[in-house]
PDB file of N, CA and C in Angstrom:
ATOM      1  N   MET A   1      64.890 161.603  83.920  1.00  0.00           N
ATOM      2  CA  MET A   1      64.382 162.692  84.463  1.00  0.00           C
ATOM      3  C   MET A   1      62.903 162.261  85.041  1.00  0.00           C
ATOM      4  N   TYR A   2      62.831 162.086  86.120  1.00  0.00           N
ATOM      5  CA  TYR A   2      61.185 161.968  86.783  1.00  0.00           C
ATOM      6  C   TYR A   2      60.509 163.458  87.069  1.00  0.00           C
ATOM      7  N   SER A   3      59.354 163.758  87.001  1.00  0.00           N
ATOM      8  CA  SER A   3      58.841 164.417  87.607  1.00  0.00           C
ATOM      9  C   SER A   3      57.800 164.371  87.857  1.00  0.00           C
ATOM     10  N   LEU A   4      57.215 165.104  89.031  1.00  0.00           N
ATOM     11  CA  LEU A   4      55.854 164.845  89.949  1.00  0.00           C
ATOM     12  C   LEU A   4      55.134 166.464  90.273  1.00  0.00           C
ATOM     13  N   GLY A   5      53.628 166.297  90.014  1.00  0.00           N
ATOM     14  CA  GLY A   5      53.485 167.777  90.056  1.00  0.00           C
ATOM     15  C   GLY A   5      52.373 167.799  91.315  1.00  0.00           C
ATOM     16  N   VAL A   6      52.425 168.499  91.836  1.00  0.00           N
ATOM     17  CA  VAL A   6      51.082 168.971  92.971  1.00  0.00           C
ATOM     18  C   VAL A   6      50.502 170.363  93.063  1.00  0.00           C
ATOM     19  N   ARG A   7      49.064 170.199  93.174  1.00  0.00           N
ATOM     20  CA  ARG A   7      48.485 171.702  93.121  1.00  0.00           C
ATOM     21  C   ARG A   7      47.770 171.971  94.127  1.00  0.00           C
ATOM     22  N   ARG A   8      47.996 172.671  94.395  1.00  0.00           N
ATOM     23  CA  ARG A   8      46.554 173.563  95.294  1.00  0.00           C
ATOM     24  C   ARG A   8      46.189 175.245  95.033  1.00  0.00           C
ATOM     25  N   SER A   9      44.982 175.349  95.801  1.00  0.00           N
ATOM     26  CA  SER A   9      44.083 176.788  94.999  1.00  0.00           C
ATOM     27  C   SER A   9      44.572 177.577  96.291  1.00  0.00           C
ATOM     28  N   PHE A  10      44.514 178.871  96.024  1.00  0.00           N
ATOM     29  CA  PHE A  10      44.038 179.362  97.089  1.00  0.00           C
ATOM     30  C   PHE A  10      43.464 181.083  96.546  1.00  0.00           C
ATOM     31  N   ASP A  11      42.741 181.690  97.571  1.00  0.00           N
ATOM     32  CA  ASP A  11      42.007 183.271  96.847  1.00  0.00           C
ATOM     33  C   ASP A  11      43.241 184.273  97.759  1.00  0.00           C
ATOM     34  N   ALA A  12      43.767 185.080  97.037  1.00  0.00           N
ATOM     35  CA  ALA A  12      44.525 186.515  98.009  1.00  0.00           C
ATOM     36  C   ALA A  12      44.055 187.808  96.865  1.00  0.00           C
ATOM     37  N   ARG A  13      44.557 189.086  97.315  1.00  0.00           N
ATOM     38  CA  ARG A  13      44.334 190.268  96.857  1.00  0.00           C
ATOM     39  C   ARG A  13      45.892 190.456  96.575  1.00  0.00           C
ATOM     40  N   HIS A  14      45.707 192.092  95.645  1.00  0.00           N
ATOM     41  CA  HIS A  14      46.801 192.652  95.614  1.00  0.00           C
ATOM     42  C   HIS A  14      46.572 193.755  94.756  1.00  0.00           C
ATOM     43  N   TYR A  15      47.302 194.435  94.231  1.00  0.00           N
ATOM     44  CA  TYR A  15      47.375 195.650  93.190  1.00  0.00           C
ATOM     45  C   TYR A  15      48.742 196.185  92.760  1.00  0.00           C
ATOM     46  N   LEU A  16      48.896 196.094  91.534  1.00  0.00           N
ATOM     47  CA  LEU A  16      49.770 196.292  90.998  1.00  0.00           C
ATOM     48  C   LEU A  16      50.388 197.781  91.153  1.00  0.00           C
ATOM     49  N   VAL A  17      51.978 198.227  91.254  1.00  0.00           N
ATOM     50  CA  VAL A  17      52.594 199.173  91.696  1.00  0.00           C
ATOM     51  C   VAL A  17      53.681 199.933  90.731  1.00  0.00           C
ATOM     52  N   GLY A  18      54.002 200.657  90.610  1.00  0.00           N
ATOM     53  CA  GLY A  18      55.371 201.253  89.869  1.00  0.00           C
ATOM     54  C   GLY A  18      55.268 201.597  88.227  1.00  0.00           C
ATOM     55  N   GLY A  19      53.804 201.296  87.950  1.00  0.00           N
ATOM     56  CA  GLY A  19      53.199 201.981  86.463  1.00  0.00           C
ATOM     57  C   GLY A  19      51.848 202.322  86.492  1.00  0.00           C
ATOM     58  N   ASP A  20      51.221 202.837  85.208  1.00  0.00           N
ATOM     59  CA  ASP A  20      50.191 202.995  85.152  1.00  0.00           C
ATOM     60  C   ASP A  20      49.235 201.699  84.462  1.00  0.00           C
ATOM     61  N   TRP A  21      48.392 200.595  84.929  1.00  0.00           N
ATOM     62  CA  TRP A  21      47.606 199.346  84.579  1.00  0.00           C
ATOM     63  C   TRP A  21      46.361 199.827  84.832  1.00  0.00           C
ATOM     64  N   GLY A  22      46.332 201.010  84.692  1.00  0.00           N
ATOM     65  CA  GLY A  22      44.468 201.095  84.645  1.00  0.00           C
ATOM     66  C   GLY A  22      44.179 200.366  86.562  1.00  0.00           C
ATOM     67  N   PRO A  23      43.271 199.465  86.426  1.00  0.00           N
ATOM     68  CA  PRO A  23      42.109 198.748  87.075  1.00  0.00           C
ATOM     69  C   PRO A  23      42.942 197.728  87.864  1.00  0.00           C
ATOM     70  N   GLU A  24      44.268 197.455  87.149  1.00  0.00           N
ATOM     71  CA  GLU A  24      45.425 196.480  88.375  1.00  0.00           C
ATOM     72  C   GLU A  24      46.028 197.361  89.338  1.00  0.00           C
ATOM     73  N   ASN A  25      46.234 198.379  89.249  1.00  0.00           N
ATOM     74  CA  ASN A  25      46.597 199.388  90.425  1.00  0.00           C
ATOM     75  C   ASN A  25      45.866 199.549  91.369  1.00  0.00           C
ATOM     76  N   ILE A  26      44.591 198.891  91.602  1.00  0.00           N
ATOM     77  CA  ILE A  26      43.302 199.184  92.534  1.00  0.00           C
ATOM     78  C   ILE A  26      43.353 197.714  93.091  1.00  0.00           C
ATOM     79  N   GLU A  27      43.496 197.715  94.551  1.00  0.00           N
ATOM     80  CA  GLU A  27      43.024 196.576  95.103  1.00  0.00           C
ATOM     81  C   GLU A  27      42.039 195.665  94.756  1.00  0.00           C
ATOM     82  N   HIS A  28      42.457 194.088  94.175  1.00  0.00           N
ATOM     83  CA  HIS A  28      41.477 193.063  93.707  1.00  0.00           C
ATOM     84  C   HIS A  28      41.751 191.786  93.873  1.00  0.00           C
ATOM     85  N   ALA A  29      40.971 190.747  93.632  1.00  0.00           N
ATOM     86  CA  ALA A  29      41.027 189.463  94.270  1.00  0.00           C
ATOM     87  C   ALA A  29      41.475 188.411  93.028  1.00  0.00           C
ATOM     88  N   HIS A  30      42.017 187.437  93.347  1.00  0.00           N
ATOM     89  CA  HIS A  30      42.065 186.595  92.063  1.00  0.00           C
ATOM     90  C   HIS A  30      42.176 185.178  93.024  1.00  0.00           C
ATOM     91  N   HIS A  31      41.391 184.183  92.380  1.00  0.00           N
ATOM     92  CA  HIS A  31      41.744 183.222  92.560  1.00  0.00           C
ATOM     93  C   HIS A  31      43.217 182.420  92.029  1.00  0.00           C
ATOM     94  N   TYR A  32      43.970 181.980  92.650  1.00  0.00           N
ATOM     95  CA  TYR A  32      45.176 181.244  92.414  1.00  0.00           C
ATOM     96  C   TYR A  32      45.389 179.890  92.505  1.00  0.00           C
ATOM     97  N   ARG A  33      45.979 179.192  91.467  1.00  0.00           N
ATOM     98  CA  ARG A  33      46.370 178.096  91.488  1.00  0.00           C
ATOM     99  C   ARG A  33      47.806 177.784  91.379  1.00  0.00           C
ATOM    100  N   MET A  34      48.384 177.022  92.071  1.00  0.00           N
ATOM    101  CA  MET A  34      49.931 176.766  92.431  1.00  0.00           C
ATOM    102  C   MET A  34      50.380 175.151  92.133  1.00  0.00           C
ATOM    103  N   GLU A  35      51.030 175.492  91.167  1.00  0.00           N
ATOM    104  CA  GLU A  35      51.307 173.469  90.999  1.00  0.00           C
ATOM    105  C   GLU A  35      52.925 174.054  91.028  1.00  0.00           C
ATOM    106  N   LEU A  36      53.488 172.633  92.032  1.00  0.00           N
ATOM    107  CA  LEU A  36      54.919 172.366  91.908  1.00  0.00           C
ATOM    108  C   LEU A  36      55.432 171.475  91.018  1.00  0.00           C
ATOM    109  N   ARG A  37      56.018 171.440  90.351  1.00  0.00           N
ATOM    110  CA  ARG A  37      56.583 170.338  89.655  1.00  0.00           C
ATOM    111  C   ARG A  37      58.317 170.223  90.380  1.00  0.00           C
ATOM    112  N   LEU A  38      58.428 168.713  90.481  1.00  0.00           N
ATOM    113  CA  LEU A  38      59.425 168.411  90.996  1.00  0.00           C
ATOM    114  C   LEU A  38      60.014 167.471  90.562  1.00  0.00           C
ATOM    115  N   GLU A  39      61.489 167.500  89.883  1.00  0.00           N
ATOM    116  CA  GLU A  39      62.421 166.303  89.198  1.00  0.00           C
ATOM    117  C   GLU A  39      63.869 165.903  90.095  1.00  0.00           C
ATOM    118  N   ALA A  40      63.892 165.032  89.432  1.00  0.00           N
ATOM    119  CA  ALA A  40      65.000 164.211  90.185  1.00  0.00           C
ATOM    120  C   ALA A  40      65.474 163.340  88.976  1.00  0.00           C
ATOM    121  N   ARG A  41      66.677 162.927  89.029  1.00  0.00           N
ATOM    122  CA  ARG A  41      66.987 161.895  88.365  1.00  0.00           C
ATOM    123  C   ARG A  41      66.664 160.228  88.751  1.00  0.00           C
ATOM    124  N   GLU A  42      66.623 160.266  89.958  1.00  0.00           N
ATOM    125  CA  GLU A  42      66.646 159.071  90.579  1.00  0.00           C
ATOM    126  C   GLU A  42      65.320 159.112  91.699  1.00  0.00           C
ATOM    127  N   LEU A  43      64.724 157.585  91.975  1.00  0.00           N
ATOM    128  CA  LEU A  43      63.767 157.560  92.666  1.00  0.00           C
ATOM    129  C   LEU A  43      64.087 157.047  94.251  1.00  0.00           C
ATOM    130  N   ASP A  44      63.548 157.420  95.381  1.00  0.00           N
ATOM    131  CA  ASP A  44      63.987 157.035  96.484  1.00  0.00           C
ATOM    132  C   ASP A  44      64.069 155.271  96.808  1.00  0.00           C
ATOM    133  N   GLN A  45      64.292 154.522  98.143  1.00  0.00           N
ATOM    134  CA  GLN A  45      64.442 153.628  98.239  1.00  0.00           C
ATOM    135  C   GLN A  45      62.907 152.631  98.024  1.00  0.00           C
ATOM    136  N   HIS A  46      62.057 153.400  97.683  1.00  0.00           N
ATOM    137  CA  HIS A  46      60.355 152.891  97.722  1.00  0.00           C
ATOM    138  C   HIS A  46      59.926 153.197  96.455  1.00  0.00           C
ATOM    139  N   GLY A  47      60.593 153.683  95.388  1.00  0.00           N
ATOM    140  CA  GLY A  47      60.539 153.894  94.247  1.00  0.00           C
ATOM    141  C   GLY A  47      59.485 155.369  93.940  1.00  0.00           C
ATOM    142  N   PHE A  48      59.549 155.909  94.939  1.00  0.00           N
ATOM    143  CA  PHE A  48      58.632 157.450  94.534  1.00  0.00           C
ATOM    144  C   PHE A  48      59.869 158.415  94.462  1.00  0.00           C
ATOM    145  N   LEU A  49      59.707 159.733  93.646  1.00  0.00           N
ATOM    146  CA  LEU A  49      60.098 160.799  93.633  1.00  0.00           C
ATOM    147  C   LEU A  49      60.340 161.417  94.796  1.00  0.00           C
ATOM    148  N   VAL A  50      59.147 161.902  95.354  1.00  0.00           N
ATOM    149  CA  VAL A  50      58.889 162.434  96.882  1.00  0.00           C
ATOM    150  C   VAL A  50      57.902 161.658  97.455  1.00  0.00           C
ATOM    151  N   ASP A  51      57.961 162.349  98.770  1.00  0.00           N
ATOM    152  CA  ASP A  51      56.706 162.070  99.657  1.00  0.00           C
ATOM    153  C   ASP A  51      55.661 162.557  99.596  1.00  0.00           C
ATOM    154  N   ILE A  52      54.516 162.213  98.492  1.00  0.00           N
ATOM    155  CA  ILE A  52      53.564 163.375  98.114  1.00  0.00           C
ATOM    156  C   ILE A  52      53.136 164.166  99.426  1.00  0.00           C
ATOM    157  N   VAL A  53      52.823 163.137 100.698  1.00  0.00           N
ATOM    158  CA  VAL A  53      51.981 163.504 101.865  1.00  0.00           C
ATOM    159  C   VAL A  53      52.738 164.676 102.295  1.00  0.00           C
ATOM    160  N   GLU A  54      53.942 164.294 102.006  1.00  0.00           N
ATOM    161  CA  GLU A  54      55.263 165.748 103.021  1.00  0.00           C
ATOM    162  C   GLU A  54      54.879 167.003 102.024  1.00  0.00           C
ATOM    163  N   VAL A  55      54.769 166.686 101.025  1.00  0.00           N
ATOM    164  CA  VAL A  55      55.172 167.620  99.914  1.00  0.00           C
ATOM    165  C   VAL A  55      53.603 168.575 100.137  1.00  0.00           C
ATOM    166  N   GLU A  56      52.118 167.793 100.313  1.00  0.00           N
ATOM    167  CA  GLU A  56      51.240 168.699 100.562  1.00  0.00           C
ATOM    168  C   GLU A  56      50.790 169.117 101.455  1.00  0.00           C
ATOM    169  N   LYS A  57      51.787 168.472 102.813  1.00  0.00           N
ATOM    170  CA  LYS A  57      51.473 169.388 103.953  1.00  0.00           C
ATOM    171  C   LYS A  57      52.021 170.784 103.949  1.00  0.00           C
ATOM    172  N   HIS A  58      53.259 170.944 103.438  1.00  0.00           N
ATOM    173  CA  HIS A  58      54.025 172.176 103.298  1.00  0.00           C
ATOM    174  C   HIS A  58      53.078 172.809 102.211  1.00  0.00           C
ATOM    175  N   MET A  59      52.518 172.227 101.058  1.00  0.00           N
ATOM    176  CA  MET A  59      51.601 173.419 100.125  1.00  0.00           C
ATOM    177  C   MET A  59      50.640 173.483 101.056  1.00  0.00           C
ATOM    178  N   VAL A  60      49.742 172.935 102.057  1.00  0.00           N
ATOM    179  CA  VAL A  60      48.648 173.362 102.794  1.00  0.00           C
ATOM    180  C   VAL A  60      49.338 175.030 103.363  1.00  0.00           C
ATOM    181  N   GLU A  61      50.282 174.375 104.414  1.00  0.00           N
ATOM    182  CA  GLU A  61      51.192 175.497 105.451  1.00  0.00           C
ATOM    183  C   GLU A  61      51.191 176.847 104.413  1.00  0.00           C
ATOM    184  N   VAL A  62      51.811 176.788 103.309  1.00  0.00           N
ATOM    185  CA  VAL A  62      51.935 177.672 102.758  1.00  0.00           C
ATOM    186  C   VAL A  62      50.887 178.387 101.797  1.00  0.00           C
ATOM    187  N   THR A  63      50.225 177.745 101.534  1.00  0.00           N
ATOM    188  CA  THR A  63      48.608 178.531 100.756  1.00  0.00           C
ATOM    189  C   THR A  63      47.677 178.959 101.963  1.00  0.00           C
ATOM    190  N   ALA A  64      48.094 178.306 103.246  1.00  0.00           N
ATOM    191  CA  ALA A  64      47.370 179.242 104.463  1.00  0.00           C
ATOM    192  C   ALA A  64      47.902 180.431 104.596  1.00  0.00           C
ATOM    193  N   LYS A  65      48.996 180.359 104.562  1.00  0.00           N
ATOM    194  CA  LYS A  65      49.544 181.896 104.891  1.00  0.00           C
ATOM    195  C   LYS A  65      49.186 183.003 103.415  1.00  0.00           C
ATOM    196  N   LEU A  66      48.698 182.497 102.630  1.00  0.00           N
ATOM    197  CA  LEU A  66      48.235 183.247 101.485  1.00  0.00           C
ATOM    198  C   LEU A  66      46.807 183.307 101.181  1.00  0.00           C
ATOM    199  N   GLN A  67      46.147 182.692 101.856  1.00  0.00           N
ATOM    200  CA  GLN A  67      44.959 182.739 101.358  1.00  0.00           C
ATOM    201  C   GLN A  67      44.150 183.925 102.468  1.00  0.00           C
ATOM    202  N   GLY A  68      42.927 184.821 101.136  1.00  0.00           N
ATOM    203  CA  GLY A  68      42.376 185.625 101.874  1.00  0.00           C
ATOM    204  C   GLY A  68      43.226 187.177 102.311  1.00  0.00           C
ATOM    205  N   LYS A  69      44.770 186.969 102.063  1.00  0.00           N
ATOM    206  CA  LYS A  69      45.890 188.163 102.435  1.00  0.00           C
ATOM    207  C   LYS A  69      45.831 189.133 100.931  1.00  0.00           C
ATOM    208  N   THR A  70      46.199 189.967 101.318  1.00  0.00           N
ATOM    209  CA  THR A  70      46.759 191.076 100.068  1.00  0.00           C
ATOM    210  C   THR A  70      47.978 190.851 100.224  1.00  0.00           C
ATOM    211  N   LEU A  71      48.272 190.254  99.016  1.00  0.00           N
ATOM    212  CA  LEU A  71      49.691 190.162  98.696  1.00  0.00           C
ATOM    213  C   LEU A  71      50.908 191.204  99.140  1.00  0.00           C
ATOM    214  N   ASN A  72      50.592 192.500  98.816  1.00  0.00           N
ATOM    215  CA  ASN A  72      51.167 193.635  98.941  1.00  0.00           C
ATOM    216  C   ASN A  72      51.735 193.773 100.415  1.00  0.00           C
ATOM    217  N   GLU A  73      50.773 192.909 101.272  1.00  0.00           N
ATOM    218  CA  GLU A  73      51.254 193.296 102.568  1.00  0.00           C
ATOM    219  C   GLU A  73      52.234 192.005 103.187  1.00  0.00           C
ATOM    220  N   LEU A  74      52.462 191.159 102.516  1.00  0.00           N
ATOM    221  CA  LEU A  74      52.810 190.096 103.244  1.00  0.00           C
ATOM    222  C   LEU A  74      54.613 190.494 103.155  1.00  0.00           C
ATOM    223  N   GLU A  75      55.260 189.743 103.858  1.00  0.00           N
ATOM    224  CA  GLU A  75      56.764 189.897 104.005  1.00  0.00           C
ATOM    225  C   GLU A  75      57.318 189.102 103.070  1.00  0.00           C
ATOM    226  N   LEU A  76      56.998 187.807 102.409  1.00  0.00           N
ATOM    227  CA  LEU A  76      57.236 187.504 101.580  1.00  0.00           C
ATOM    228  C   LEU A  76      57.502 188.269 100.156  1.00  0.00           C
ATOM    229  N   LEU A  77      56.831 189.278  99.944  1.00  0.00           N
ATOM    230  CA  LEU A  77      56.925 190.047  98.635  1.00  0.00           C
ATOM    231  C   LEU A  77      57.129 191.445  99.014  1.00  0.00           C
ATOM    232  N   ALA A  78      57.930 191.533 100.214  1.00  0.00           N
ATOM    233  CA  ALA A  78      58.154 193.232 100.374  1.00  0.00           C
ATOM    234  C   ALA A  78      58.704 193.884  99.922  1.00  0.00           C
ATOM    235  N   GLY A  79      58.807 195.356  99.243  1.00  0.00           N
ATOM    236  CA  GLY A  79      59.561 195.972  98.214  1.00  0.00           C
ATOM    237  C   GLY A  79      59.528 195.211  96.874  1.00  0.00           C
ATOM    238  N   LEU A  80      58.375 194.389  96.472  1.00  0.00           N
ATOM    239  CA  LEU A  80      58.556 194.005  94.912  1.00  0.00           C
ATOM    240  C   LEU A  80      56.701 194.297  94.731  1.00  0.00           C
ATOM    241  N   ASN A  81      56.945 194.471  93.360  1.00  0.00           N
ATOM    242  CA  ASN A  81      55.705 194.519  92.597  1.00  0.00           C
ATOM    243  C   ASN A  81      54.928 193.053  92.661  1.00  0.00           C
ATOM    244  N   PRO A  82      53.856 192.927  93.341  1.00  0.00           N
ATOM    245  CA  PRO A  82      53.302 191.422  93.232  1.00  0.00           C
ATOM    246  C   PRO A  82      52.457 191.182  91.781  1.00  0.00           C
ATOM    247  N   SER A  83      53.304 190.946  91.249  1.00  0.00           N
ATOM    248  CA  SER A  83      53.028 190.244  89.939  1.00  0.00           C
ATOM    249  C   SER A  83      53.058 188.766  89.984  1.00  0.00           C
ATOM    250  N   ILE A  84      52.593 187.616  89.176  1.00  0.00           N
ATOM    251  CA  ILE A  84      52.580 186.348  89.316  1.00  0.00           C
ATOM    252  C   ILE A  84      53.609 185.969  88.944  1.00  0.00           C
ATOM    253  N   GLU A  85      54.754 186.841  88.340  1.00  0.00           N
ATOM    254  CA  GLU A  85      56.277 186.267  88.087  1.00  0.00           C
ATOM    255  C   GLU A  85      56.923 186.250  89.577  1.00  0.00           C
ATOM    256  N   GLN A  86      56.588 187.564  90.040  1.00  0.00           N
ATOM    257  CA  GLN A  86      57.142 187.778  91.479  1.00  0.00           C
ATOM    258  C   GLN A  86      56.648 186.928  92.485  1.00  0.00           C
ATOM    259  N   LEU A  87      55.470 186.534  92.626  1.00  0.00           N
ATOM    260  CA  LEU A  87      54.938 185.514  93.260  1.00  0.00           C
ATOM    261  C   LEU A  87      55.180 184.106  93.264  1.00  0.00           C
ATOM    262  N   ALA A  88      55.812 183.417  91.819  1.00  0.00           N
ATOM    263  CA  ALA A  88      56.097 182.588  91.600  1.00  0.00           C
ATOM    264  C   ALA A  88      57.526 182.524  91.962  1.00  0.00           C
ATOM    265  N   THR A  89      58.123 183.256  91.907  1.00  0.00           N
ATOM    266  CA  THR A  89      59.932 183.403  92.375  1.00  0.00           C
ATOM    267  C   THR A  89      59.792 183.194  93.833  1.00  0.00           C
ATOM    268  N   ALA A  90      59.098 184.318  94.613  1.00  0.00           N
ATOM    269  CA  ALA A  90      59.043 183.785  95.764  1.00  0.00           C
ATOM    270  C   ALA A  90      58.739 182.479  96.655  1.00  0.00           C
ATOM    271  N   ILE A  91      57.714 181.914  95.912  1.00  0.00           N
ATOM    272  CA  ILE A  91      57.041 180.804  96.557  1.00  0.00           C
ATOM    273  C   ILE A  91      58.452 179.745  96.258  1.00  0.00           C
ATOM    274  N   HIS A  92      58.836 179.819  95.037  1.00  0.00           N
ATOM    275  CA  HIS A  92      59.972 178.788  94.735  1.00  0.00           C
ATOM    276  C   HIS A  92      61.196 178.925  95.586  1.00  0.00           C
ATOM    277  N   GLY A  93      61.464 180.039  96.362  1.00  0.00           N
ATOM    278  CA  GLY A  93      62.369 180.447  97.415  1.00  0.00           C
ATOM    279  C   GLY A  93      61.994 179.454  98.339  1.00  0.00           C
ATOM    280  N   VAL A  94      60.508 179.696  99.152  1.00  0.00           N
ATOM    281  CA  VAL A  94      60.085 178.956 100.130  1.00  0.00           C
ATOM    282  C   VAL A  94      60.058 177.562  99.994  1.00  0.00           C
ATOM    283  N   PHE A  95      59.664 177.166  98.804  1.00  0.00           N
ATOM    284  CA  PHE A  95      59.909 175.733  98.431  1.00  0.00           C
ATOM    285  C   PHE A  95      61.097 175.126  98.418  1.00  0.00           C
ATOM    286  N   SER A  96      61.951 175.880  98.021  1.00  0.00           N
ATOM    287  CA  SER A  96      63.235 175.415  97.958  1.00  0.00           C
ATOM    288  C   SER A  96      64.005 175.039  99.394  1.00  0.00           C
ATOM    289  N   LYS A  97      63.447 175.762 100.266  1.00  0.00           N
ATOM    290  CA  LYS A  97      64.309 175.858 101.289  1.00  0.00           C
ATOM    291  C   LYS A  97      63.315 174.486 102.182  1.00  0.00           C
ATOM    292  N   ARG A  98      61.689 174.425 102.232  1.00  0.00           N
ATOM    293  CA  ARG A  98      60.810 173.475 103.014  1.00  0.00           C
ATOM    294  C   ARG A  98      61.431 172.200 102.243  1.00  0.00           C
ATOM    295  N   LEU A  99      61.808 171.962 101.310  1.00  0.00           N
ATOM    296  CA  LEU A  99      61.800 170.716 100.320  1.00  0.00           C
ATOM    297  C   LEU A  99      63.172 170.398 100.360  1.00  0.00           C
ATOM    298  N   ALA A 100      64.075 170.933 101.117  1.00  0.00           N
ATOM    299  CA  ALA A 100      65.576 171.006 100.887  1.00  0.00           C
ATOM    300  C   ALA A 100      66.093 168.979 101.043  1.00  0.00           C
ATOM    301  N   ASN A 101      65.533 168.381 102.255  1.00  0.00           N
ATOM    302  CA  ASN A 101      65.615 167.127 102.341  1.00  0.00           C
ATOM    303  C   ASN A 101      65.239 166.214 101.271  1.00  0.00           C
ATOM    304  N   PHE A 102      64.687 166.271 100.554  1.00  0.00           N
ATOM    305  CA  PHE A 102      64.714 165.923  99.375  1.00  0.00           C
ATOM    306  C   PHE A 102      65.764 165.831  98.194  1.00  0.00           C
ATOM    307  N   ARG A 103      66.162 164.884  96.943  1.00  0.00           N
ATOM    308  CA  ARG A 103      67.333 165.060  96.350  1.00  0.00           C
ATOM    309  C   ARG A 103      66.823 165.591  94.957  1.00  0.00           C
ATOM    310  N   LEU A 104      66.128 167.026  94.958  1.00  0.00           N
ATOM    311  CA  LEU A 104      65.883 167.394  93.819  1.00  0.00           C
ATOM    312  C   LEU A 104      66.711 168.103  92.980  1.00  0.00           C
ATOM    313  N   GLU A 105      66.707 167.979  91.728  1.00  0.00           N
ATOM    314  CA  GLU A 105      67.479 168.554  90.787  1.00  0.00           C
ATOM    315  C   GLU A 105      66.873 169.750  90.368  1.00  0.00           C
ATOM    316  N   ALA A 106      65.819 169.951  90.143  1.00  0.00           N
ATOM    317  CA  ALA A 106      64.825 171.258  89.877  1.00  0.00           C
ATOM    318  C   ALA A 106      63.475 170.973  90.610  1.00  0.00           C
ATOM    319  N   LEU A 107      62.947 172.660  90.673  1.00  0.00           N
ATOM    320  CA  LEU A 107      61.422 172.780  91.316  1.00  0.00           C
ATOM    321  C   LEU A 107      61.002 174.042  90.005  1.00  0.00           C
ATOM    322  N   THR A 108      59.804 173.529  90.051  1.00  0.00           N
ATOM    323  CA  THR A 108      59.030 174.896  89.139  1.00  0.00           C
ATOM    324  C   THR A 108      57.869 175.071  89.588  1.00  0.00           C
ATOM    325  N   VAL A 109      57.714 176.167  89.751  1.00  0.00           N
ATOM    326  CA  VAL A 109      56.728 176.989  90.983  1.00  0.00           C
ATOM    327  C   VAL A 109      55.889 177.422  89.093  1.00  0.00           C
ATOM    328  N   THR A 110      54.588 177.028  89.408  1.00  0.00           N
ATOM    329  CA  THR A 110      53.679 177.721  88.193  1.00  0.00           C
ATOM    330  C   THR A 110      52.273 178.179  89.012  1.00  0.00           C
ATOM    331  N   ILE A 111      52.136 179.677  88.643  1.00  0.00           N
ATOM    332  CA  ILE A 111      51.371 180.016  88.902  1.00  0.00           C
ATOM    333  C   ILE A 111      50.216 180.592  88.397  1.00  0.00           C
ATOM    334  N   TRP A 112      48.973 180.077  88.207  1.00  0.00           N
ATOM    335  CA  TRP A 112      47.934 180.641  87.676  1.00  0.00           C
ATOM    336  C   TRP A 112      47.139 181.698  88.221  1.00  0.00           C
ATOM    337  N   GLU A 113      46.658 182.790  87.629  1.00  0.00           N
ATOM    338  CA  GLU A 113      45.784 184.107  87.720  1.00  0.00           C
ATOM    339  C   GLU A 113      44.634 183.775  87.479  1.00  0.00           C
ATOM    340  N   ASP A 114      43.918 183.322  88.182  1.00  0.00           N
ATOM    341  CA  ASP A 114      42.226 183.175  87.763  1.00  0.00           C
ATOM    342  C   ASP A 114      42.471 182.100  86.299  1.00  0.00           C
ATOM    343  N   ASP A 115      41.608 181.741  85.581  1.00  0.00           N
ATOM    344  CA  ASP A 115      41.876 181.373  84.526  1.00  0.00           C
ATOM    345  C   ASP A 115      42.667 181.723  82.946  1.00  0.00           C
ATOM    346  N   ILE A 116      43.224 183.305  83.379  1.00  0.00           N
ATOM    347  CA  ILE A 116      43.548 184.340  82.450  1.00  0.00           C
ATOM    348  C   ILE A 116      44.781 183.934  82.207  1.00  0.00           C
ATOM    349  N   ALA A 117      45.811 183.759  83.180  1.00  0.00           N
ATOM    350  CA  ALA A 117      47.015 183.663  82.827  1.00  0.00           C
ATOM    351  C   ALA A 117      48.316 182.729  83.940  1.00  0.00           C
ATOM    352  N   TRP A 118      48.949 182.384  83.489  1.00  0.00           N
ATOM    353  CA  TRP A 118      50.590 181.790  84.262  1.00  0.00           C
ATOM    354  C   TRP A 118      51.421 182.047  83.894  1.00  0.00           C
ATOM    355  N   THR A 119      52.301 181.532  84.996  1.00  0.00           N
ATOM    356  CA  THR A 119      53.350 181.965  84.770  1.00  0.00           C
ATOM    357  C   THR A 119      54.061 180.968  85.588  1.00  0.00           C
ATOM    358  N   SER A 120      55.666 180.644  84.882  1.00  0.00           N
ATOM    359  CA  SER A 120      56.404 179.539  86.235  1.00  0.00           C
ATOM    360  C   SER A 120      57.785 179.789  86.138  1.00  0.00           C
ATOM    361  N   TYR A 121      58.564 179.644  86.919  1.00  0.00           N
ATOM    362  CA  TYR A 121      59.595 179.911  87.290  1.00  0.00           C
ATOM    363  C   TYR A 121      60.364 178.539  88.097  1.00  0.00           C
ATOM    364  N   ARG A 122      61.328 177.968  86.891  1.00  0.00           N
ATOM    365  CA  ARG A 122      62.374 176.639  87.025  1.00  0.00           C
ATOM    366  C   ARG A 122      63.636 177.251  87.226  1.00  0.00           C
ATOM    367  N   ALA A 123      64.261 176.644  88.706  1.00  0.00           N
ATOM    368  CA  ALA A 123      65.780 176.311  88.842  1.00  0.00           C
ATOM    369  C   ALA A 123      65.888 175.188  89.325  1.00  0.00           C
ATOM    370  N   ALA A 124      67.431 175.151  89.540  1.00  0.00           N
ATOM    371  CA  ALA A 124      67.599 173.797  90.145  1.00  0.00           C
ATOM    372  C   ALA A 124      67.840 174.366  91.727  1.00  0.00           C
ATOM    373  N   VAL A 125      67.623 173.437  92.309  1.00  0.00           N
ATOM    374  CA  VAL A 125      67.594 173.174  93.728  1.00  0.00           C
ATOM    375  C   VAL A 125      68.929 172.190  94.516  1.00  0.00           C
TER     376      VAL A 125
END
């Protein structure tokens, strides 16, 4: 199995809901790092897993929609507590659709919240 990772960063705000998490219940900012890990058993006719330039173009577009925003207000996370777990899952759904033209077997989205915590969501595509 081949794996390829591509990473981008963005800054966004959020606040947690549904419980008493002290300061996390008040809107605050984080520096997020997002990594996509793409997996497939075979390379294309050029010897690549994917076209990195195309993947990066999608990452730029997706992070532009998150940059400087309050995650609670985005349709992407409507009705959800905007934890990094929920964010990784939602972004996985976005990239599963955007990268459907590649013959991927699995996609992992890893989100770092500042340099303190990270989560990953992996699923077949």
